[in-house]
Amino acid sequence: MNKKSFNLGLAHIGVFVDNIKVSKKFYQDMLDMEIFHENIIKTPDGSILVAFVKKNDLVIELVQLPIPQKSKVEGPVHHIAFKVKNIEAARDELAAKGIVFIDAEISFKPHLFENGGKWIMFKGPDNEILELNEVL
């Protein structure tokens, strides 16, 4: 495996929240974390609200779904994201080992973080959701 492209550390942990305003205030006021990126993702079910908070190297992605019951079924921790340098190479390396990705294509958002971001998700042996994440 190319050590330069895969698993450079933790990118972030995705957590479902019931009320993103309350959660942002908690992480800011109680844990002294800063909000460094927010996004609204439009879906047929409604808007998904996203806020990234950080302190030092710890990054948490707060996600409020339009249908709160879904987050309770999946649990509060939605995914663990691994930081990668070359997401295409990392995906190809894992695919060669038999990993099947949840979506066939790598997702890209040009306005995610400063210069955009890419990600692709797969499942671990206990159905935990794992993500490869490249911040551009």
N, C-alpha and C. Protein backbone atom coordinates (compact mmCIF):
# COMPACT_ATOMS: atom_id res chain seq x y z
N MET A 1 0.84 -1.18 0.00
CA MET A 1 0.00 0.00 0.00
C MET A 1 0.89 1.24 0.00
N ASN A 2 0.51 2.20 -0.76
CA ASN A 2 1.26 3.46 -0.86
C ASN A 2 1.03 4.28 0.41
N LYS A 3 2.00 4.33 1.27
CA LYS A 3 1.88 5.04 2.55
C LYS A 3 1.68 6.54 2.36
N LYS A 4 2.02 7.06 1.18
CA LYS A 4 1.88 8.50 0.95
C LYS A 4 0.44 8.92 0.68
N SER A 5 -0.43 7.98 0.29
CA SER A 5 -1.79 8.38 -0.08
C SER A 5 -2.84 7.96 0.92
N PHE A 6 -2.59 6.93 1.71
CA PHE A 6 -3.66 6.37 2.52
C PHE A 6 -3.38 6.51 4.01
N ASN A 7 -4.44 6.75 4.74
CA ASN A 7 -4.46 6.74 6.20
C ASN A 7 -3.37 7.61 6.82
N LEU A 8 -3.48 8.89 6.57
CA LEU A 8 -2.53 9.83 7.14
C LEU A 8 -2.96 10.28 8.53
N GLY A 9 -4.07 9.75 9.01
CA GLY A 9 -4.59 10.11 10.33
C GLY A 9 -6.09 10.30 10.27
N LEU A 10 -6.63 10.80 11.35
CA LEU A 10 -8.06 11.03 11.44
C LEU A 10 -8.41 12.35 10.75
N ALA A 11 -9.36 12.31 9.85
CA ALA A 11 -9.84 13.54 9.20
C ALA A 11 -10.92 14.17 10.07
N HIS A 12 -11.94 13.38 10.43
CA HIS A 12 -13.01 13.87 11.31
C HIS A 12 -13.91 12.72 11.73
N ILE A 13 -14.77 12.99 12.69
CA ILE A 13 -15.80 12.04 13.12
C ILE A 13 -17.14 12.71 12.86
N GLY A 14 -18.02 12.03 12.15
CA GLY A 14 -19.35 12.56 11.84
C GLY A 14 -20.35 12.16 12.91
N VAL A 15 -21.05 13.15 13.47
CA VAL A 15 -22.00 12.91 14.56
C VAL A 15 -23.36 13.50 14.20
N PHE A 16 -24.42 12.67 14.30
CA PHE A 16 -25.78 13.17 14.11
C PHE A 16 -26.20 13.97 15.33
N VAL A 17 -26.86 15.10 15.10
CA VAL A 17 -27.37 15.93 16.19
C VAL A 17 -28.84 16.23 15.93
N ASP A 18 -29.59 16.49 17.01
CA ASP A 18 -31.00 16.83 16.87
C ASP A 18 -31.21 18.29 16.49
N ASN A 19 -30.37 19.18 17.03
CA ASN A 19 -30.52 20.60 16.80
C ASN A 19 -29.13 21.19 16.61
N ILE A 20 -28.78 21.54 15.40
CA ILE A 20 -27.42 21.99 15.10
C ILE A 20 -27.06 23.28 15.83
N LYS A 21 -28.05 24.16 16.05
CA LYS A 21 -27.78 25.40 16.78
C LYS A 21 -27.35 25.10 18.22
N VAL A 22 -28.06 24.21 18.85
CA VAL A 22 -27.74 23.82 20.24
C VAL A 22 -26.38 23.14 20.28
N SER A 23 -26.13 22.25 19.33
CA SER A 23 -24.86 21.51 19.30
C SER A 23 -23.68 22.44 19.04
N LYS A 24 -23.83 23.37 18.10
CA LYS A 24 -22.74 24.32 17.83
C LYS A 24 -22.42 25.13 19.09
N LYS A 25 -23.45 25.60 19.76
CA LYS A 25 -23.25 26.38 20.98
C LYS A 25 -22.54 25.55 22.04
N PHE A 26 -22.94 24.29 22.20
CA PHE A 26 -22.30 23.42 23.18
C PHE A 26 -20.81 23.23 22.87
N TYR A 27 -20.50 22.87 21.64
CA TYR A 27 -19.11 22.62 21.27
C TYR A 27 -18.26 23.89 21.36
N GLN A 28 -18.86 25.04 21.05
CA GLN A 28 -18.14 26.31 21.16
C GLN A 28 -17.97 26.73 22.62
N ASP A 29 -19.06 26.80 23.35
CA ASP A 29 -19.04 27.37 24.70
C ASP A 29 -18.47 26.41 25.74
N MET A 30 -18.82 25.14 25.65
CA MET A 30 -18.41 24.19 26.67
C MET A 30 -17.06 23.54 26.38
N LEU A 31 -16.77 23.28 25.11
CA LEU A 31 -15.55 22.57 24.75
C LEU A 31 -14.53 23.46 24.05
N ASP A 32 -14.84 24.74 23.95
CA ASP A 32 -13.92 25.72 23.38
C ASP A 32 -13.45 25.36 21.97
N MET A 33 -14.38 24.81 21.17
CA MET A 33 -14.07 24.46 19.79
C MET A 33 -14.56 25.60 18.89
N GLU A 34 -13.94 25.70 17.72
CA GLU A 34 -14.35 26.76 16.79
C GLU A 34 -15.05 26.14 15.58
N ILE A 35 -16.04 26.85 15.07
CA ILE A 35 -16.71 26.44 13.83
C ILE A 35 -15.85 26.96 12.69
N PHE A 36 -15.45 26.05 11.79
CA PHE A 36 -14.62 26.51 10.68
C PHE A 36 -15.25 26.26 9.32
N HIS A 37 -16.37 25.56 9.28
CA HIS A 37 -17.07 25.39 8.00
C HIS A 37 -18.51 24.99 8.27
N GLU A 38 -19.44 25.57 7.52
CA GLU A 38 -20.85 25.20 7.59
C GLU A 38 -21.38 25.03 6.18
N ASN A 39 -22.38 24.15 6.06
CA ASN A 39 -22.92 23.85 4.74
C ASN A 39 -24.38 23.43 4.88
N ILE A 40 -25.16 23.67 3.86
CA ILE A 40 -26.54 23.18 3.78
C ILE A 40 -26.62 22.34 2.52
N ILE A 41 -27.06 21.09 2.68
CA ILE A 41 -27.19 20.17 1.56
C ILE A 41 -28.68 19.93 1.31
N LYS A 42 -29.14 20.33 0.14
CA LYS A 42 -30.55 20.17 -0.22
C LYS A 42 -30.80 18.74 -0.68
N THR A 43 -31.84 18.10 -0.14
CA THR A 43 -32.23 16.75 -0.54
C THR A 43 -33.73 16.74 -0.78
N PRO A 44 -34.27 15.70 -1.40
CA PRO A 44 -35.72 15.61 -1.59
C PRO A 44 -36.49 15.60 -0.26
N ASP A 45 -35.86 15.12 0.82
CA ASP A 45 -36.51 15.06 2.14
C ASP A 45 -36.41 16.38 2.90
N GLY A 46 -35.58 17.31 2.43
CA GLY A 46 -35.37 18.57 3.13
C GLY A 46 -33.88 18.87 3.20
N SER A 47 -33.52 19.85 4.00
CA SER A 47 -32.12 20.28 4.09
C SER A 47 -31.36 19.54 5.18
N ILE A 48 -30.14 19.14 4.85
CA ILE A 48 -29.20 18.58 5.83
C ILE A 48 -28.28 19.73 6.22
N LEU A 49 -28.22 20.01 7.53
CA LEU A 49 -27.38 21.09 8.03
C LEU A 49 -26.08 20.49 8.55
N VAL A 50 -24.95 21.06 8.15
CA VAL A 50 -23.64 20.52 8.51
C VAL A 50 -22.78 21.65 9.09
N ALA A 51 -22.09 21.35 10.17
CA ALA A 51 -21.11 22.28 10.74
C ALA A 51 -19.90 21.48 11.20
N PHE A 52 -18.72 21.95 10.81
CA PHE A 52 -17.48 21.34 11.25
C PHE A 52 -16.92 22.19 12.39
N VAL A 53 -16.62 21.54 13.52
CA VAL A 53 -16.00 22.23 14.65
C VAL A 53 -14.64 21.58 14.91
N LYS A 54 -13.70 22.40 15.43
CA LYS A 54 -12.38 21.82 15.68
C LYS A 54 -11.72 22.46 16.89
N LYS A 55 -10.82 21.71 17.44
CA LYS A 55 -9.89 22.20 18.46
C LYS A 55 -8.61 21.41 18.26
N ASN A 56 -7.53 22.11 17.97
CA ASN A 56 -6.25 21.47 17.65
C ASN A 56 -6.48 20.52 16.47
N ASP A 57 -6.15 19.23 16.61
CA ASP A 57 -6.30 18.27 15.51
C ASP A 57 -7.64 17.54 15.52
N LEU A 58 -8.47 17.78 16.52
CA LEU A 58 -9.76 17.10 16.61
C LEU A 58 -10.81 17.86 15.80
N VAL A 59 -11.43 17.16 14.83
CA VAL A 59 -12.48 17.75 14.00
C VAL A 59 -13.72 16.87 14.12
N ILE A 60 -14.85 17.51 14.40
CA ILE A 60 -16.14 16.81 14.48
C ILE A 60 -17.08 17.45 13.48
N GLU A 61 -17.71 16.60 12.66
CA GLU A 61 -18.71 17.05 11.70
C GLU A 61 -20.08 16.85 12.33
N LEU A 62 -20.76 17.94 12.65
CA LEU A 62 -22.10 17.89 13.21
C LEU A 62 -23.10 17.87 12.06
N VAL A 63 -24.03 16.92 12.09
CA VAL A 63 -24.98 16.75 10.98
C VAL A 63 -26.39 16.68 11.54
N GLN A 64 -27.24 17.62 11.10
CA GLN A 64 -28.65 17.59 11.46
C GLN A 64 -29.43 17.18 10.22
N LEU A 65 -30.09 16.03 10.30
CA LEU A 65 -30.88 15.52 9.18
C LEU A 65 -32.26 16.14 9.17
N PRO A 66 -32.91 16.18 7.99
CA PRO A 66 -34.26 16.72 7.93
C PRO A 66 -35.27 15.80 8.62
N ILE A 67 -34.93 14.53 8.76
CA ILE A 67 -35.80 13.56 9.43
C ILE A 67 -35.03 13.02 10.63
N PRO A 68 -35.20 13.61 11.82
CA PRO A 68 -34.38 13.26 12.98
C PRO A 68 -34.43 11.78 13.38
N GLN A 69 -35.52 11.10 13.14
CA GLN A 69 -35.63 9.71 13.55
C GLN A 69 -34.56 8.83 12.89
N LYS A 70 -34.14 9.18 11.69
CA LYS A 70 -33.14 8.39 11.00
C LYS A 70 -31.84 8.35 11.78
N SER A 71 -31.46 9.47 12.37
CA SER A 71 -30.20 9.52 13.11
C SER A 71 -30.27 8.61 14.33
N LYS A 72 -31.43 8.46 14.93
CA LYS A 72 -31.56 7.60 16.11
C LYS A 72 -31.40 6.13 15.74
N VAL A 73 -31.83 5.76 14.55
CA VAL A 73 -31.70 4.37 14.09
C VAL A 73 -30.24 4.04 13.83
N GLU A 74 -29.53 4.94 13.19
CA GLU A 74 -28.14 4.68 12.83
C GLU A 74 -27.18 4.93 13.98
N GLY A 75 -27.62 5.62 15.02
CA GLY A 75 -26.75 5.94 16.14
C GLY A 75 -26.17 7.33 15.99
N PRO A 76 -25.66 7.89 17.10
CA PRO A 76 -25.17 9.27 17.02
C PRO A 76 -23.86 9.42 16.25
N VAL A 77 -22.98 8.43 16.31
CA VAL A 77 -21.74 8.51 15.52
C VAL A 77 -22.03 7.89 14.17
N HIS A 78 -21.97 8.70 13.15
CA HIS A 78 -22.34 8.23 11.82
C HIS A 78 -21.15 7.63 11.07
N HIS A 79 -19.98 8.26 11.14
CA HIS A 79 -18.84 7.75 10.39
C HIS A 79 -17.52 8.24 10.97
N ILE A 80 -16.47 7.53 10.64
CA ILE A 80 -15.11 7.93 10.98
C ILE A 80 -14.38 8.15 9.66
N ALA A 81 -13.78 9.31 9.50
CA ALA A 81 -13.14 9.66 8.23
C ALA A 81 -11.63 9.64 8.38
N PHE A 82 -10.96 8.94 7.45
CA PHE A 82 -9.51 8.87 7.42
C PHE A 82 -8.97 9.90 6.43
N LYS A 83 -7.99 10.64 6.87
CA LYS A 83 -7.35 11.65 6.04
C LYS A 83 -6.45 10.94 5.02
N VAL A 84 -6.62 11.29 3.74
CA VAL A 84 -5.77 10.74 2.69
C VAL A 84 -5.21 11.88 1.85
N LYS A 85 -4.12 11.59 1.17
CA LYS A 85 -3.48 12.61 0.33
C LYS A 85 -3.93 12.49 -1.13
N ASN A 86 -4.16 11.27 -1.59
CA ASN A 86 -4.59 11.02 -2.97
C ASN A 86 -5.75 10.04 -2.90
N ILE A 87 -6.96 10.56 -2.89
CA ILE A 87 -8.14 9.72 -2.65
C ILE A 87 -8.34 8.67 -3.74
N GLU A 88 -8.01 9.01 -4.97
CA GLU A 88 -8.17 8.05 -6.05
C GLU A 88 -7.26 6.84 -5.85
N ALA A 89 -6.00 7.10 -5.49
CA ALA A 89 -5.04 6.01 -5.24
C ALA A 89 -5.46 5.19 -4.02
N ALA A 90 -5.91 5.86 -2.98
CA ALA A 90 -6.34 5.15 -1.76
C ALA A 90 -7.56 4.27 -2.07
N ARG A 91 -8.52 4.81 -2.83
CA ARG A 91 -9.70 4.02 -3.22
C ARG A 91 -9.29 2.80 -4.03
N ASP A 92 -8.40 2.99 -4.99
CA ASP A 92 -7.97 1.89 -5.85
C ASP A 92 -7.24 0.81 -5.04
N GLU A 93 -6.43 1.23 -4.08
CA GLU A 93 -5.71 0.27 -3.23
C GLU A 93 -6.68 -0.57 -2.41
N LEU A 94 -7.69 0.08 -1.84
CA LEU A 94 -8.67 -0.66 -1.04
C LEU A 94 -9.55 -1.53 -1.91
N ALA A 95 -9.93 -1.03 -3.08
CA ALA A 95 -10.75 -1.83 -4.00
C ALA A 95 -10.01 -3.09 -4.42
N ALA A 96 -8.70 -2.98 -4.62
CA ALA A 96 -7.89 -4.14 -4.99
C ALA A 96 -7.87 -5.19 -3.88
N LYS A 97 -8.11 -4.74 -2.65
CA LYS A 97 -8.16 -5.66 -1.51
C LYS A 97 -9.55 -6.23 -1.27
N GLY A 98 -10.51 -5.80 -2.11
CA GLY A 98 -11.87 -6.33 -2.00
C GLY A 98 -12.88 -5.41 -1.34
N ILE A 99 -12.47 -4.20 -0.98
CA ILE A 99 -13.42 -3.26 -0.38
C ILE A 99 -14.43 -2.83 -1.43
N VAL A 100 -15.71 -2.88 -1.07
CA VAL A 100 -16.79 -2.41 -1.93
C VAL A 100 -17.27 -1.08 -1.34
N PHE A 101 -17.27 -0.05 -2.14
CA PHE A 101 -17.64 1.28 -1.67
C PHE A 101 -19.15 1.48 -1.74
N ILE A 102 -19.69 2.27 -0.82
CA ILE A 102 -21.13 2.51 -0.74
C ILE A 102 -21.61 3.20 -2.01
N ASP A 103 -20.89 4.22 -2.47
CA ASP A 103 -21.19 4.87 -3.74
C ASP A 103 -20.08 4.53 -4.72
N ALA A 104 -20.43 4.39 -5.98
CA ALA A 104 -19.44 4.00 -6.98
C ALA A 104 -18.42 5.11 -7.25
N GLU A 105 -18.83 6.34 -7.10
CA GLU A 105 -17.96 7.46 -7.46
C GLU A 105 -17.52 8.24 -6.22
N ILE A 106 -16.40 8.89 -6.33
CA ILE A 106 -15.91 9.80 -5.29
C ILE A 106 -16.74 11.08 -5.36
N SER A 107 -17.22 11.54 -4.20
CA SER A 107 -17.98 12.79 -4.13
C SER A 107 -17.02 13.96 -4.04
N PHE A 108 -17.43 15.09 -4.61
CA PHE A 108 -16.60 16.30 -4.59
C PHE A 108 -17.48 17.51 -4.35
N LYS A 109 -17.06 18.37 -3.46
CA LYS A 109 -17.74 19.66 -3.24
C LYS A 109 -16.69 20.75 -3.39
N PRO A 110 -16.83 21.64 -4.38
CA PRO A 110 -15.82 22.67 -4.60
C PRO A 110 -15.75 23.69 -3.47
N HIS A 111 -16.83 23.87 -2.72
CA HIS A 111 -16.85 24.90 -1.68
C HIS A 111 -16.71 24.30 -0.29
N LEU A 112 -16.38 23.02 -0.21
CA LEU A 112 -16.15 22.39 1.09
C LEU A 112 -14.75 22.77 1.54
N PHE A 113 -14.63 23.29 2.71
CA PHE A 113 -13.37 23.81 3.24
C PHE A 113 -12.88 24.92 2.32
N GLU A 114 -11.60 25.19 2.30
CA GLU A 114 -11.10 26.34 1.55
C GLU A 114 -11.07 26.09 0.05
N ASN A 115 -10.56 24.93 -0.37
CA ASN A 115 -10.39 24.65 -1.80
C ASN A 115 -11.19 23.46 -2.29
N GLY A 116 -12.10 22.99 -1.51
CA GLY A 116 -12.90 21.84 -1.89
C GLY A 116 -12.48 20.59 -1.14
N GLY A 117 -13.30 19.56 -1.26
CA GLY A 117 -13.01 18.31 -0.59
C GLY A 117 -13.61 17.15 -1.35
N LYS A 118 -12.99 15.98 -1.19
CA LYS A 118 -13.45 14.75 -1.83
C LYS A 118 -13.63 13.69 -0.76
N TRP A 119 -14.60 12.81 -0.96
CA TRP A 119 -14.79 11.71 -0.04
C TRP A 119 -15.48 10.54 -0.72
N ILE A 120 -15.28 9.38 -0.13
CA ILE A 120 -15.97 8.16 -0.55
C ILE A 120 -16.08 7.27 0.67
N MET A 121 -17.21 6.59 0.82
CA MET A 121 -17.48 5.81 2.03
C MET A 121 -17.57 4.32 1.74
N PHE A 122 -17.23 3.54 2.78
CA PHE A 122 -17.34 2.09 2.73
C PHE A 122 -17.64 1.59 4.13
N LYS A 123 -17.92 0.30 4.26
CA LYS A 123 -18.28 -0.25 5.57
C LYS A 123 -17.20 -1.19 6.07
N GLY A 124 -17.04 -1.16 7.39
CA GLY A 124 -16.13 -2.08 8.06
C GLY A 124 -16.84 -3.39 8.35
N PRO A 125 -16.17 -4.31 9.04
CA PRO A 125 -16.72 -5.65 9.26
C PRO A 125 -17.98 -5.68 10.11
N ASP A 126 -18.23 -4.67 10.93
CA ASP A 126 -19.44 -4.61 11.75
C ASP A 126 -20.42 -3.58 11.24
N ASN A 127 -20.34 -3.27 9.96
CA ASN A 127 -21.21 -2.29 9.29
C ASN A 127 -20.94 -0.86 9.70
N GLU A 128 -19.82 -0.60 10.40
CA GLU A 128 -19.48 0.78 10.71
C GLU A 128 -19.12 1.49 9.41
N ILE A 129 -19.53 2.74 9.31
CA ILE A 129 -19.26 3.50 8.10
C ILE A 129 -17.90 4.19 8.24
N LEU A 130 -17.05 3.97 7.25
CA LEU A 130 -15.72 4.56 7.20
C LEU A 130 -15.61 5.41 5.94
N GLU A 131 -14.82 6.44 6.01
CA GLU A 131 -14.71 7.39 4.90
C GLU A 131 -13.24 7.68 4.58
N LEU A 132 -12.94 7.75 3.31
CA LEU A 132 -11.68 8.32 2.86
C LEU A 132 -11.98 9.78 2.57
N ASN A 133 -11.13 10.70 3.04
CA ASN A 133 -11.41 12.12 2.94
C ASN A 133 -10.15 12.86 2.53
N GLU A 134 -10.26 13.63 1.45
CA GLU A 134 -9.15 14.45 1.00
C GLU A 134 -9.58 15.90 0.95
N VAL A 135 -8.92 16.73 1.75
CA VAL A 135 -9.17 18.17 1.73
C VAL A 135 -8.20 18.77 0.72
N LEU A 136 -8.73 19.52 -0.23
CA LEU A 136 -7.89 20.09 -1.30
C LEU A 136 -7.36 21.45 -0.92
